[in-house]
């Protein structure tokens, strides 16, 4: 007998494709993906070399990123990085996710993993190749609201959780109590609702962050 839950279960890949065409944060190194051993050139195998920032594409921020406290990405709990998650839709008219916006979103008490779908996802849907400065981020009071609500992981659909050139306050408020920040999500094909999140950043010892493959199942 086929389990109906399995029949209707769908996997959403919410990770950005990593290539030299991927936008990166201004000042960060671009993605370099170079074929250093080529079978077409007579080698016995194909081997590629990857060079990029650890904050490239879909990635996780560790506290060390802004706090310089040596709480690195390899020490993050997999219990936080995997489990039930809630995707909420932030209205397209919203430029900044504040405490008021989050309060009005009717987020259920006890939500541990929260993914914010904003108009940012439209950038990935249309294949934007340039960095966009006026993306939607979370304000300081929005970050403080998330801390008070007991959220353990928060994700957003652009390269930073914080507004452009306002990185420190939001990041510090979230990272100091140990909230995991998941950035660079593509939620364009995901409807608001409850899912299971599986997010596995590379186990880079001592690093302030790491690229991740993230999926939702629901």
Protein backbone atom coordinates (compact mmCIF):
# COMPACT_ATOMS: atom_id res chain seq x y z
CA UNK A 1 0.00 0.00 0.00
CA UNK A 2 1.35 3.45 -0.95
CA UNK A 3 1.53 6.05 1.80
CA UNK A 4 -0.45 9.11 0.69
CA UNK A 5 1.99 11.36 2.55
CA UNK A 6 4.76 10.11 0.27
CA UNK A 7 2.66 10.61 -2.86
CA UNK A 8 2.04 14.29 -2.15
CA UNK A 9 5.43 15.10 -0.63
CA UNK A 10 7.41 17.55 -2.74
CA UNK A 11 11.03 18.64 -2.50
CA UNK A 12 11.80 22.31 -3.11
CA UNK A 13 15.43 23.15 -3.80
CA UNK A 14 15.75 26.65 -2.33
CA UNK A 15 19.48 26.93 -3.02
CA UNK A 16 20.96 29.32 -5.56
CA UNK A 17 23.00 27.80 -8.41
CA UNK A 18 26.68 28.59 -7.89
CA UNK A 19 28.48 29.79 -11.00
CA UNK A 20 30.55 32.81 -12.10
CA UNK A 21 27.22 34.42 -13.09
CA UNK A 22 25.99 34.49 -9.49
CA UNK A 23 25.82 37.98 -7.93
CA UNK A 24 28.07 38.45 -4.91
CA UNK A 25 28.21 41.03 -2.17
CA UNK A 26 30.15 44.15 -3.27
CA UNK A 27 33.80 43.67 -2.42
CA UNK A 28 33.55 39.90 -2.06
CA UNK A 29 35.53 37.76 -4.51
CA UNK A 30 33.54 36.54 -7.51
CA UNK A 31 32.89 32.86 -8.03
CA UNK A 32 35.69 31.12 -9.94
CA UNK A 33 34.95 27.63 -11.23
CA UNK A 34 37.89 26.49 -13.31
CA UNK A 35 38.52 23.20 -15.07
CA UNK A 36 42.14 22.38 -14.19
CA UNK A 37 42.20 18.85 -15.59
CA UNK A 38 40.27 18.20 -18.80
CA UNK A 39 39.54 14.92 -20.55
CA UNK A 40 38.93 16.90 -23.75
CA UNK A 41 42.56 18.05 -23.48
CA UNK A 42 43.82 14.50 -22.98
CA UNK A 43 43.70 14.12 -19.19
CA UNK A 44 42.36 10.88 -17.72
CA UNK A 45 39.72 12.73 -15.69
CA UNK A 46 37.98 16.09 -15.20
CA UNK A 47 38.89 18.08 -12.09
CA UNK A 48 37.62 21.55 -11.27
CA UNK A 49 38.80 24.19 -8.84
CA UNK A 50 36.37 26.40 -6.92
CA UNK A 51 37.25 29.75 -5.35
CA UNK A 52 34.67 31.98 -3.66
CA UNK A 53 33.67 33.71 -0.44
CA UNK A 54 32.16 31.50 2.25
CA UNK A 55 29.18 33.88 2.04
CA UNK A 56 28.48 33.01 -1.59
CA UNK A 57 24.95 32.24 -2.77
CA UNK A 58 22.89 30.23 -0.29
CA UNK A 59 24.94 30.26 2.89
CA UNK A 60 24.89 30.22 6.67
CA UNK A 61 26.33 32.92 8.92
CA UNK A 62 28.04 31.85 12.13
CA UNK A 63 28.41 34.21 15.11
CA UNK A 64 32.11 34.67 14.31
CA UNK A 65 31.08 36.55 11.15
CA UNK A 66 30.28 39.73 13.09
CA UNK A 67 31.19 39.01 16.71
CA UNK A 68 34.77 37.76 16.27
CA UNK A 69 34.08 35.29 19.08
CA UNK A 70 35.28 32.07 17.39
CA UNK A 71 31.82 30.48 17.39
CA UNK A 72 32.35 29.07 13.93
CA UNK A 73 30.12 27.41 11.38
CA UNK A 74 31.39 23.88 12.02
CA UNK A 75 30.04 24.09 15.58
CA UNK A 76 26.46 24.99 14.59
CA UNK A 77 23.85 22.49 15.74
CA UNK A 78 22.37 20.26 13.06
CA UNK A 79 19.28 20.10 15.27
CA UNK A 80 18.70 23.78 14.44
CA UNK A 81 19.62 23.44 10.77
CA UNK A 82 17.07 20.67 10.18
CA UNK A 83 13.45 20.38 11.21
CA UNK A 84 10.03 22.00 10.87
CA UNK A 85 10.11 25.47 9.32
CA UNK A 86 7.54 28.13 8.53
CA UNK A 87 7.64 30.19 5.33
CA UNK A 88 5.81 33.49 5.58
CA UNK A 89 5.02 35.92 2.78
CA UNK A 90 6.11 39.49 3.40
CA UNK A 91 3.94 41.90 1.37
CA UNK A 92 5.57 43.21 -1.80
CA UNK A 93 5.09 46.78 -0.60
CA UNK A 94 7.39 46.19 2.38
CA UNK A 95 10.90 47.63 2.03
CA UNK A 96 12.08 46.72 5.54
CA UNK A 97 10.94 43.85 7.77
CA UNK A 98 10.30 45.54 11.11
CA UNK A 99 8.93 44.32 14.41
CA UNK A 100 5.50 45.63 13.41
CA UNK A 101 5.58 43.65 10.16
CA UNK A 102 6.51 40.47 12.02
CA UNK A 103 3.92 41.06 14.74
CA UNK A 104 1.22 41.46 12.09
CA UNK A 105 2.31 38.26 10.32
CA UNK A 106 0.59 36.12 12.97
CA UNK A 107 3.58 33.83 13.37
CA UNK A 108 2.58 30.93 15.64
CA UNK A 109 4.14 30.81 19.09
CA UNK A 110 6.95 28.27 19.26
CA UNK A 111 8.12 28.73 15.67
CA UNK A 112 11.80 27.74 15.70
CA UNK A 113 12.73 28.13 12.03
CA UNK A 114 11.34 31.05 10.07
CA UNK A 115 11.94 31.78 6.39
CA UNK A 116 10.99 35.18 5.04
CA UNK A 117 9.72 35.26 1.48
CA UNK A 118 9.89 38.83 0.21
CA UNK A 119 9.88 40.48 -3.18
CA UNK A 120 13.59 39.56 -3.27
CA UNK A 121 12.65 36.13 -4.61
CA UNK A 122 11.46 37.78 -7.82
CA UNK A 123 15.09 38.72 -8.50
CA UNK A 124 16.08 35.06 -8.62
CA UNK A 125 12.97 34.14 -10.58
CA UNK A 126 13.91 36.54 -13.37
CA UNK A 127 17.57 35.52 -13.31
CA UNK A 128 19.06 38.77 -12.05
CA UNK A 129 22.84 38.72 -12.56
CA UNK A 130 23.75 42.02 -10.88
CA UNK A 131 23.84 42.83 -7.18
CA UNK A 132 20.74 44.80 -6.14
CA UNK A 133 21.23 47.33 -3.33
CA UNK A 134 17.57 48.00 -2.49
CA UNK A 135 16.76 44.45 -1.41
CA UNK A 136 14.42 43.79 1.51
CA UNK A 137 16.18 43.16 4.82
CA UNK A 138 15.33 42.94 8.50
CA UNK A 139 15.59 46.01 10.75
CA UNK A 140 17.21 46.01 14.18
CA UNK A 141 13.85 46.01 15.94
CA UNK A 142 12.75 43.18 13.64
CA UNK A 143 15.80 41.19 14.71
CA UNK A 144 15.05 41.91 18.36
CA UNK A 145 11.48 40.72 17.83
CA UNK A 146 12.79 37.42 16.45
CA UNK A 147 15.04 36.98 19.48
CA UNK A 148 12.15 37.62 21.88
CA UNK A 149 9.94 35.21 19.91
CA UNK A 150 12.44 32.39 20.47
CA UNK A 151 13.28 31.83 16.79
CA UNK A 152 16.40 29.66 16.44
CA UNK A 153 16.96 30.02 12.69
CA UNK A 154 15.89 32.79 10.33
CA UNK A 155 16.29 32.75 6.58
CA UNK A 156 15.78 35.37 3.89
CA UNK A 157 15.74 35.42 0.11
CA UNK A 158 18.72 37.66 -0.58
CA UNK A 159 22.42 37.71 0.20
CA UNK A 160 22.04 39.44 3.57
CA UNK A 161 19.49 39.44 6.38
CA UNK A 162 20.35 43.09 7.04
CA UNK A 163 19.62 46.08 4.80
CA UNK A 164 22.43 47.31 2.56
CA UNK A 165 25.08 49.28 4.47
CA UNK A 166 23.31 48.54 7.76
CA UNK A 167 24.82 45.11 8.35
CA UNK A 168 26.11 45.35 11.91
CA UNK A 169 22.99 46.03 14.07
CA UNK A 170 20.76 43.29 12.64
CA UNK A 171 23.49 40.67 12.40
CA UNK A 172 24.77 41.38 15.91
CA UNK A 173 21.30 41.22 17.45
CA UNK A 174 20.67 37.82 15.87
CA UNK A 175 24.10 36.22 16.17
CA UNK A 176 24.84 37.21 19.77
CA UNK A 177 22.15 34.88 21.22
CA UNK A 178 23.11 32.20 18.69
CA UNK A 179 20.35 32.50 16.10
CA UNK A 180 21.43 30.81 12.88
CA UNK A 181 21.16 33.11 9.85
CA UNK A 182 20.42 31.49 6.49
CA UNK A 183 20.87 33.86 3.56
CA UNK A 184 20.59 33.68 -0.21
CA UNK A 185 17.44 31.58 -0.43
CA UNK A 186 15.35 31.25 -3.57
CA UNK A 187 11.76 30.99 -2.37
CA UNK A 188 10.18 31.97 -5.68
CA UNK A 189 8.57 28.54 -6.16
CA UNK A 190 7.57 28.07 -2.52
CA UNK A 191 4.14 28.98 -1.15
CA UNK A 192 3.77 30.23 2.42
CA UNK A 193 3.21 27.42 4.87
CA UNK A 194 4.82 24.69 6.94
CA UNK A 195 7.66 22.52 5.65
CA UNK A 196 10.60 20.48 6.82
CA UNK A 197 13.90 22.27 6.30
CA UNK A 198 17.17 20.50 5.58
CA UNK A 199 20.11 22.89 5.47
CA UNK A 200 23.64 21.50 5.47
CA UNK A 201 26.47 24.05 5.34
CA UNK A 202 29.95 22.82 4.52
CA UNK A 203 31.84 21.84 7.67
CA UNK A 204 34.53 24.50 7.36
CA UNK A 205 36.55 24.44 10.57
CA UNK A 206 36.89 27.85 12.21
CA UNK A 207 34.96 29.64 9.45
CA UNK A 208 32.60 32.58 9.88
CA UNK A 209 30.17 31.02 7.40
CA UNK A 210 29.74 28.39 4.74
CA UNK A 211 27.85 27.76 1.51
CA UNK A 212 24.90 25.40 2.02
CA UNK A 213 22.49 23.22 0.09
CA UNK A 214 19.04 23.87 1.47
CA UNK A 215 15.78 22.15 0.65
CA UNK A 216 12.22 22.24 1.90
CA UNK A 217 9.97 19.20 1.97
CA UNK A 218 6.23 19.63 2.19
